[in-house]
Structure formats: C-alpha cells, structure tokens
C-alpha atoms as a PDB file:
ATOM      1  CA  UNK A   1      -5.179 -11.510 -34.633  1.00  0.00           C
ATOM      2  CA  UNK A   2      -4.800 -15.311 -34.317  1.00  0.00           C
ATOM      3  CA  UNK A   3      -2.302 -14.757 -31.116  1.00  0.00           C
ATOM      4  CA  UNK A   4      -5.203 -13.328 -29.350  1.00  0.00           C
ATOM      5  CA  UNK A   5      -7.261 -16.125 -30.025  1.00  0.00           C
ATOM      6  CA  UNK A   6      -4.767 -18.458 -29.045  1.00  0.00           C
ATOM      7  CA  UNK A   7      -3.778 -16.833 -25.795  1.00  0.00           C
ATOM      8  CA  UNK A   8      -7.434 -16.571 -24.618  1.00  0.00           C
ATOM      9  CA  UNK A   9      -8.073 -20.492 -25.486  1.00  0.00           C
ATOM     10  CA  UNK A  10      -4.869 -21.530 -23.688  1.00  0.00           C
ATOM     11  CA  UNK A  11      -5.510 -19.597 -20.546  1.00  0.00           C
ATOM     12  CA  UNK A  12      -9.024 -20.529 -20.375  1.00  0.00           C
ATOM     13  CA  UNK A  13      -7.779 -24.391 -20.318  1.00  0.00           C
ATOM     14  CA  UNK A  14      -5.140 -23.612 -17.647  1.00  0.00           C
ATOM     15  CA  UNK A  15      -6.842 -20.774 -15.571  1.00  0.00           C
ATOM     16  CA  UNK A  16      -7.200 -23.085 -12.080  1.00  0.00           C
ATOM     17  CA  UNK A  17      -3.684 -24.615 -12.300  1.00  0.00           C
ATOM     18  CA  UNK A  18      -2.323 -21.266 -13.238  1.00  0.00           C
ATOM     19  CA  UNK A  19      -4.131 -19.760 -10.334  1.00  0.00           C
ATOM     20  CA  UNK A  20      -3.149 -22.424  -8.163  1.00  0.00           C
ATOM     21  CA  UNK A  21       0.716 -21.729  -9.352  1.00  0.00           C
ATOM     22  CA  UNK A  22       1.026 -17.821  -8.803  1.00  0.00           C
ATOM     23  CA  UNK A  23      -1.680 -16.929  -6.048  1.00  0.00           C
ATOM     24  CA  UNK A  24       0.744 -16.599  -3.643  1.00  0.00           C
ATOM     25  CA  UNK A  25       3.715 -15.438  -5.847  1.00  0.00           C
ATOM     26  CA  UNK A  26       3.683 -12.167  -3.923  1.00  0.00           C
ATOM     27  CA  UNK A  27       4.366 -13.468  -0.764  1.00  0.00           C
ATOM     28  CA  UNK A  28       7.056 -15.962  -1.675  1.00  0.00           C
ATOM     29  CA  UNK A  29       8.872 -13.561  -3.898  1.00  0.00           C
ATOM     30  CA  UNK A  30       9.955  -9.944  -1.988  1.00  0.00           C
ATOM     31  CA  UNK A  31      11.245  -8.180  -4.832  1.00  0.00           C
ATOM     32  CA  UNK A  32       8.387  -8.642  -7.042  1.00  0.00           C
ATOM     33  CA  UNK A  33       5.922  -7.519  -3.915  1.00  0.00           C
ATOM     34  CA  UNK A  34       8.399  -4.593  -3.591  1.00  0.00           C
ATOM     35  CA  UNK A  35       8.074  -3.499  -7.068  1.00  0.00           C
ATOM     36  CA  UNK A  36       4.160  -3.605  -6.687  1.00  0.00           C
ATOM     37  CA  UNK A  37       3.950  -1.754  -3.290  1.00  0.00           C
ATOM     38  CA  UNK A  38       6.287   1.084  -5.173  1.00  0.00           C
ATOM     39  CA  UNK A  39       3.797   1.187  -7.866  1.00  0.00           C
ATOM     40  CA  UNK A  40       1.133   1.817  -5.682  1.00  0.00           C
ATOM     41  CA  UNK A  41       3.193   4.548  -3.679  1.00  0.00           C
ATOM     42  CA  UNK A  42       3.687   6.514  -6.817  1.00  0.00           C
ATOM     43  CA  UNK A  43       0.044   6.183  -7.886  1.00  0.00           C
ATOM     44  CA  UNK A  44      -0.821   7.402  -4.498  1.00  0.00           C
ATOM     45  CA  UNK A  45       1.775  10.147  -4.464  1.00  0.00           C
ATOM     46  CA  UNK A  46      -0.063  11.286  -7.687  1.00  0.00           C
ATOM     47  CA  UNK A  47      -3.249  11.587  -6.124  1.00  0.00           C
ATOM     48  CA  UNK A  48      -4.939   8.182  -6.201  1.00  0.00           C
ATOM     49  CA  UNK A  49      -7.662   7.454  -8.659  1.00  0.00           C
ATOM     50  CA  UNK A  50      -8.428   4.354 -10.764  1.00  0.00           C
ATOM     51  CA  UNK A  51      -5.649   1.739 -11.849  1.00  0.00           C
ATOM     52  CA  UNK A  52      -6.128  -0.926 -14.372  1.00  0.00           C
ATOM     53  CA  UNK A  53      -4.265  -4.254 -13.734  1.00  0.00           C
ATOM     54  CA  UNK A  54      -4.100  -5.382 -17.383  1.00  0.00           C
ATOM     55  CA  UNK A  55      -3.828  -8.931 -18.059  1.00  0.00           C
ATOM     56  CA  UNK A  56      -4.563  -9.682 -14.212  1.00  0.00           C
ATOM     57  CA  UNK A  57      -4.874 -13.299 -14.282  1.00  0.00           C
ATOM     58  CA  UNK A  58      -6.544 -14.405 -10.984  1.00  0.00           C
ATOM     59  CA  UNK A  59      -6.349 -10.948  -9.616  1.00  0.00           C
ATOM     60  CA  UNK A  60      -3.714 -11.227  -6.865  1.00  0.00           C
ATOM     61  CA  UNK A  61      -2.019  -8.347  -8.119  1.00  0.00           C
ATOM     62  CA  UNK A  62      -5.220  -6.637  -8.268  1.00  0.00           C
ATOM     63  CA  UNK A  63      -6.139  -7.601  -4.846  1.00  0.00           C
ATOM     64  CA  UNK A  64      -2.380  -6.374  -3.397  1.00  0.00           C
ATOM     65  CA  UNK A  65      -2.978  -3.207  -4.729  1.00  0.00           C
ATOM     66  CA  UNK A  66      -6.249  -2.526  -3.123  1.00  0.00           C
ATOM     67  CA  UNK A  67      -4.960  -3.713   0.325  1.00  0.00           C
ATOM     68  CA  UNK A  68      -2.457  -0.665  -0.281  1.00  0.00           C
ATOM     69  CA  UNK A  69      -5.236   1.541  -0.934  1.00  0.00           C
ATOM     70  CA  UNK A  70      -5.195   1.587  -4.456  1.00  0.00           C
ATOM     71  CA  UNK A  71      -8.176   1.817  -6.683  1.00  0.00           C
ATOM     72  CA  UNK A  72      -7.370  -1.005  -8.662  1.00  0.00           C
ATOM     73  CA  UNK A  73      -9.691  -3.214 -10.864  1.00  0.00           C
ATOM     74  CA  UNK A  74      -8.677  -6.091 -13.287  1.00  0.00           C
ATOM     75  CA  UNK A  75      -8.725  -6.953 -17.331  1.00  0.00           C
ATOM     76  CA  UNK A  76      -7.836  -9.941 -18.584  1.00  0.00           C
ATOM     77  CA  UNK A  77      -8.516 -11.743 -22.040  1.00  0.00           C
ATOM     78  CA  UNK A  78      -9.687 -14.928 -20.449  1.00  0.00           C
ATOM     79  CA  UNK A  79     -13.013 -15.185 -19.409  1.00  0.00           C
ATOM     80  CA  UNK A  80     -12.369 -18.394 -17.191  1.00  0.00           C
ATOM     81  CA  UNK A  81      -9.340 -16.479 -15.424  1.00  0.00           C
ATOM     82  CA  UNK A  82     -11.680 -13.496 -15.039  1.00  0.00           C
ATOM     83  CA  UNK A  83     -13.880 -16.010 -13.397  1.00  0.00           C
ATOM     84  CA  UNK A  84     -11.356 -17.181 -10.917  1.00  0.00           C
ATOM     85  CA  UNK A  85     -10.383 -13.318 -10.117  1.00  0.00           C
ATOM     86  CA  UNK A  86     -13.730 -12.884  -8.985  1.00  0.00           C
ATOM     87  CA  UNK A  87     -14.299 -16.027  -7.272  1.00  0.00           C
ATOM     88  CA  UNK A  88     -10.797 -15.315  -5.245  1.00  0.00           C
ATOM     89  CA  UNK A  89     -11.470 -11.877  -4.549  1.00  0.00           C
ATOM     90  CA  UNK A  90     -15.273 -10.767  -4.573  1.00  0.00           C
ATOM     91  CA  UNK A  91     -14.999  -7.398  -3.633  1.00  0.00           C
ATOM     92  CA  UNK A  92     -12.843  -6.284  -6.444  1.00  0.00           C
ATOM     93  CA  UNK A  93     -14.102  -5.514 -10.088  1.00  0.00           C
ATOM     94  CA  UNK A  94     -12.929  -7.824 -12.749  1.00  0.00           C
ATOM     95  CA  UNK A  95     -13.966  -7.553 -16.529  1.00  0.00           C
ATOM     96  CA  UNK A  96     -12.722  -9.632 -19.797  1.00  0.00           C
ATOM     97  CA  UNK A  97     -11.214  -7.336 -22.142  1.00  0.00           C
ATOM     98  CA  UNK A  98      -8.145  -6.722 -24.332  1.00  0.00           C
ATOM     99  CA  UNK A  99      -4.579  -4.725 -24.170  1.00  0.00           C
ATOM    100  CA  UNK A 100      -5.324  -4.321 -27.908  1.00  0.00           C
ATOM    101  CA  UNK A 101      -8.502  -2.487 -27.604  1.00  0.00           C
ATOM    102  CA  UNK A 102      -9.161  -1.177 -24.054  1.00  0.00           C
ATOM    103  CA  UNK A 103     -12.854  -0.448 -23.091  1.00  0.00           C
ATOM    104  CA  UNK A 104     -12.028   2.604 -21.235  1.00  0.00           C
ATOM    105  CA  UNK A 105     -12.561   6.251 -21.631  1.00  0.00           C
ATOM    106  CA  UNK A 106      -9.360   8.481 -22.348  1.00  0.00           C
ATOM    107  CA  UNK A 107      -7.495   9.674 -19.575  1.00  0.00           C
ATOM    108  CA  UNK A 108      -9.775   7.903 -17.565  1.00  0.00           C
ATOM    109  CA  UNK A 109      -6.758   5.995 -14.972  1.00  0.00           C
ATOM    110  CA  UNK A 110      -3.841   7.309 -12.822  1.00  0.00           C
ATOM    111  CA  UNK A 111      -2.048   4.116 -13.219  1.00  0.00           C
ATOM    112  CA  UNK A 112      -1.970   0.896 -15.208  1.00  0.00           C
ATOM    113  CA  UNK A 113      -0.084  -2.059 -14.340  1.00  0.00           C
ATOM    114  CA  UNK A 114       1.068  -4.870 -16.789  1.00  0.00           C
ATOM    115  CA  UNK A 115       2.702  -7.392 -14.810  1.00  0.00           C
ATOM    116  CA  UNK A 116       4.061 -10.304 -17.145  1.00  0.00           C
ATOM    117  CA  UNK A 117       1.064  -9.859 -19.268  1.00  0.00           C
ATOM    118  CA  UNK A 118       2.767  -8.467 -22.325  1.00  0.00           C
ATOM    119  CA  UNK A 119       5.118 -11.824 -22.715  1.00  0.00           C
ATOM    120  CA  UNK A 120       2.564 -13.196 -25.382  1.00  0.00           C
ATOM    121  CA  UNK A 121       2.261 -10.155 -27.432  1.00  0.00           C
ATOM    122  CA  UNK A 122       4.208 -10.234 -30.854  1.00  0.00           C
ATOM    123  CA  UNK A 123       6.375  -7.245 -31.357  1.00  0.00           C
ATOM    124  CA  UNK A 124       4.350  -5.704 -34.172  1.00  0.00           C
ATOM    125  CA  UNK A 125       1.267  -5.477 -31.964  1.00  0.00           C
ATOM    126  CA  UNK A 126       3.308  -3.964 -29.032  1.00  0.00           C
ATOM    127  CA  UNK A 127       3.357  -0.389 -29.853  1.00  0.00           C
ATOM    128  CA  UNK A 128      -0.151  -0.502 -30.568  1.00  0.00           C
ATOM    129  CA  UNK A 129      -1.031  -1.283 -26.898  1.00  0.00           C
ATOM    130  CA  UNK A 130       1.268   1.246 -25.730  1.00  0.00           C
ATOM    131  CA  UNK A 131      -0.675   3.937 -27.523  1.00  0.00           C
ATOM    132  CA  UNK A 132      -3.963   2.539 -25.923  1.00  0.00           C
ATOM    133  CA  UNK A 133      -2.248   2.478 -22.574  1.00  0.00           C
ATOM    134  CA  UNK A 134      -0.989   6.442 -23.454  1.00  0.00           C
ATOM    135  CA  UNK A 135      -4.805   6.835 -24.547  1.00  0.00           C
ATOM    136  CA  UNK A 136      -6.334   5.709 -21.123  1.00  0.00           C
ATOM    137  CA  UNK A 137      -3.750   7.000 -19.185  1.00  0.00           C
ATOM    138  CA  UNK A 138      -4.109  10.698 -17.805  1.00  0.00           C
ATOM    139  CA  UNK A 139      -1.239  13.095 -18.253  1.00  0.00           C
ATOM    140  CA  UNK A 140       1.665  12.085 -15.419  1.00  0.00           C
ATOM    141  CA  UNK A 141      -0.287   8.889 -14.886  1.00  0.00           C
ATOM    142  CA  UNK A 142       2.081   5.934 -13.876  1.00  0.00           C
ATOM    143  CA  UNK A 143       2.722   2.730 -15.644  1.00  0.00           C
ATOM    144  CA  UNK A 144       4.488  -0.272 -14.415  1.00  0.00           C
ATOM    145  CA  UNK A 145       5.409  -3.181 -17.026  1.00  0.00           C
ATOM    146  CA  UNK A 146       7.053  -6.317 -15.873  1.00  0.00           C
ATOM    147  CA  UNK A 147       8.362  -8.731 -18.435  1.00  0.00           C
ATOM    148  CA  UNK A 148      10.661 -11.539 -19.321  1.00  0.00           C
ATOM    149  CA  UNK A 149      14.241 -10.159 -20.054  1.00  0.00           C
ATOM    150  CA  UNK A 150      16.427 -11.343 -23.186  1.00  0.00           C
ATOM    151  CA  UNK A 151      15.936 -12.071 -26.838  1.00  0.00           C
ATOM    152  CA  UNK A 152      14.137 -14.684 -28.465  1.00  0.00           C
ATOM    153  CA  UNK A 153      10.454 -16.510 -28.672  1.00  0.00           C
ATOM    154  CA  UNK A 154       9.686 -20.005 -27.714  1.00  0.00           C
ATOM    155  CA  UNK A 155       6.106 -21.838 -28.545  1.00  0.00           C
ATOM    156  CA  UNK A 156       4.705 -23.159 -25.215  1.00  0.00           C
ATOM    157  CA  UNK A 157       2.428 -26.082 -25.703  1.00  0.00           C
ATOM    158  CA  UNK A 158       2.902 -27.837 -22.042  1.00  0.00           C
ATOM    159  CA  UNK A 159       1.026 -25.755 -19.900  1.00  0.00           C
ATOM    160  CA  UNK A 160       0.122 -25.572 -16.483  1.00  0.00           C
ATOM    161  CA  UNK A 161      -0.902 -28.510 -14.438  1.00  0.00           C
ATOM    162  CA  UNK A 162       0.129 -30.394 -17.640  1.00  0.00           C
ATOM    163  CA  UNK A 163      -3.023 -28.887 -19.862  1.00  0.00           C
ATOM    164  CA  UNK A 164      -1.984 -27.760 -23.644  1.00  0.00           C
ATOM    165  CA  UNK A 165      -1.186 -24.540 -24.569  1.00  0.00           C
ATOM    166  CA  UNK A 166      -0.351 -22.795 -27.924  1.00  0.00           C
ATOM    167  CA  UNK A 167       1.576 -19.316 -27.135  1.00  0.00           C
ATOM    168  CA  UNK A 168       4.838 -17.932 -27.785  1.00  0.00           C
ATOM    169  CA  UNK A 169       6.308 -16.450 -24.877  1.00  0.00           C
ATOM    170  CA  UNK A 170       8.598 -13.316 -25.914  1.00  0.00           C
ATOM    171  CA  UNK A 171      11.950 -12.249 -24.070  1.00  0.00           C
ATOM    172  CA  UNK A 172      12.865  -8.635 -24.667  1.00  0.00           C
ATOM    173  CA  UNK A 173      15.510  -6.513 -23.440  1.00  0.00           C
ATOM    174  CA  UNK A 174      14.514  -3.390 -21.589  1.00  0.00           C
ATOM    175  CA  UNK A 175      16.155  -1.246 -24.038  1.00  0.00           C
ATOM    176  CA  UNK A 176      13.878  -2.198 -26.735  1.00  0.00           C
ATOM    177  CA  UNK A 177      10.601  -1.753 -24.737  1.00  0.00           C
ATOM    178  CA  UNK A 178      12.061   1.540 -23.440  1.00  0.00           C
ATOM    179  CA  UNK A 179      12.158   2.718 -27.159  1.00  0.00           C
ATOM    180  CA  UNK A 180       8.667   1.493 -27.646  1.00  0.00           C
ATOM    181  CA  UNK A 181       7.357   3.569 -24.800  1.00  0.00           C
ATOM    182  CA  UNK A 182       9.142   6.630 -25.642  1.00  0.00           C
ATOM    183  CA  UNK A 183       7.596   6.437 -29.060  1.00  0.00           C
ATOM    184  CA  UNK A 184       4.194   6.217 -27.495  1.00  0.00           C
ATOM    185  CA  UNK A 185       4.909   9.477 -25.526  1.00  0.00           C
ATOM    186  CA  UNK A 186       6.066   8.048 -22.213  1.00  0.00           C
ATOM    187  CA  UNK A 187       8.966   8.865 -20.176  1.00  0.00           C
ATOM    188  CA  UNK A 188      10.883   5.566 -18.275  1.00  0.00           C
ATOM    189  CA  UNK A 189      11.660   6.924 -14.784  1.00  0.00           C
ATOM    190  CA  UNK A 190      13.393   3.506 -13.742  1.00  0.00           C
ATOM    191  CA  UNK A 191      14.319  -0.025 -14.611  1.00  0.00           C
ATOM    192  CA  UNK A 192      14.763  -2.942 -12.132  1.00  0.00           C
ATOM    193  CA  UNK A 193      16.423  -5.987 -13.337  1.00  0.00           C
ATOM    194  CA  UNK A 194      15.133  -9.044 -11.164  1.00  0.00           C
ATOM    195  CA  UNK A 195      17.154 -12.331 -11.448  1.00  0.00           C
ATOM    196  CA  UNK A 196      19.760 -11.198 -13.960  1.00  0.00           C
ATOM    197  CA  UNK A 197      21.532 -14.574 -13.700  1.00  0.00           C
ATOM    198  CA  UNK A 198      18.504 -16.938 -13.317  1.00  0.00           C
ATOM    199  CA  UNK A 199      16.963 -19.046 -15.628  1.00  0.00           C
ATOM    200  CA  UNK A 200      14.174 -16.647 -16.779  1.00  0.00           C
ATOM    201  CA  UNK A 201      15.417 -13.178 -16.000  1.00  0.00           C
ATOM    202  CA  UNK A 202      12.729 -10.270 -15.481  1.00  0.00           C
ATOM    203  CA  UNK A 203      12.916  -6.486 -15.544  1.00  0.00           C
ATOM    204  CA  UNK A 204      10.557  -3.912 -14.445  1.00  0.00           C
ATOM    205  CA  UNK A 205       9.944  -0.415 -15.780  1.00  0.00           C
ATOM    206  CA  UNK A 206       8.206   2.526 -14.473  1.00  0.00           C
ATOM    207  CA  UNK A 207       7.224   5.287 -16.483  1.00  0.00           C
ATOM    208  CA  UNK A 208       4.977   8.459 -17.031  1.00  0.00           C
ATOM    209  CA  UNK A 209       2.410   9.599 -19.593  1.00  0.00           C
ATOM    210  CA  UNK A 210       3.701  12.343 -20.996  1.00  0.00           C
ATOM    211  CA  UNK A 211       0.214  13.357 -23.086  1.00  0.00           C
END
C-alpha cells in the first residue's frame, strides 16, 4: 500500500511544522473542542475505559481527552509525529501504528476517535479500517470520526512549513461514510456539520459498535 508509505514519509517530514500549526487548534476552534468534549462525555457515560486516538498527530486531542478524565492514548503512522507527541505530553502513552492493522486486542476499547486522520485513506481501504475499528471496540463502544465533507480528491505536494508532501486528501459526504460504518456493524447516532459554507467544510459522525 504505497499510500501508507507516502503518508508516513510526508508526516515525518512535516512533523514539527504540522505540530506548530495544530497544537492549539482546540483552543481556537470552539466547535471542534465541543465535539471532542461530547465524545468524552459519551465514553464516560458508557463506563469509561481505554480510548484510542487513531492518527493522533502531535497528541493535542489525546491530551485534552485525558484532561477530561478519559483514559486516552495515541497511535500514529509517523514515528516523527509520535516523537513530537511524547515530547509535548510526556505523561501520555503514544505509539507508532496503522489504522489498517491495529495492534490492539479484540473488544479492548470503550472509545475510538479518528480526528481528521482518515483523509489520506483511499476509498477502497476504508471498509477494512472500519472493520478494525469494530474489532477493537467493545460492543456499544463509542466511535467519533472527523473528516473533510464534500467530494473528490486532491494531491497535496506543498506541505506544512513549506516542506514537501505526497499525499492525496479525500473529501467525502457524511452519507458515504455512514454507509461504510453501517456495513461494518456500526450505528450512527449523530452527524454534525462544521463550517458548511467555508473553504473546507468538515463533518463529525458519532457511532456505536453493534457487534
């Protein structure tokens, strides 16, 4: 899967610059912050337990979840990004891993959040990723997905801080993502639109594992 190698290499290259750009994003984007807080509330209402932030980047979402009392840890494809996350948040657990092959036990998580980390995953790989999410989440476990809303893909070659990247950025309508989730055994409970009239609208889906 060449897209995995391209994504890993690209984020290794831009790790420091990307972290500088997004590190404070939850403080400056109140609706994003509210969505993460809602996810935390749902996890705690489900009894708490381990939560994976898959595609955690520099770990800012992982850290916020921990502030809210959630037992969150981070997984990212990029070793350089994991190094940044560990440096920024030394009390949290971060590890290198891929959403296509999660090294986690079956039914081991109460929650999983993928916060704009599916945007480089091609359509034909998404169903297998969601199958992994369903495998590692316990029955009734909470899933939160944030992604670019829309249609089409663009190739990103000019990266953060002016560094080169080679990744496709995919936009998807919530209905398409919802259909994939249903196929993987999830029940979508809520869909939220973010900045719908903006240059890069977003969507957040909240779902439960039906297995």
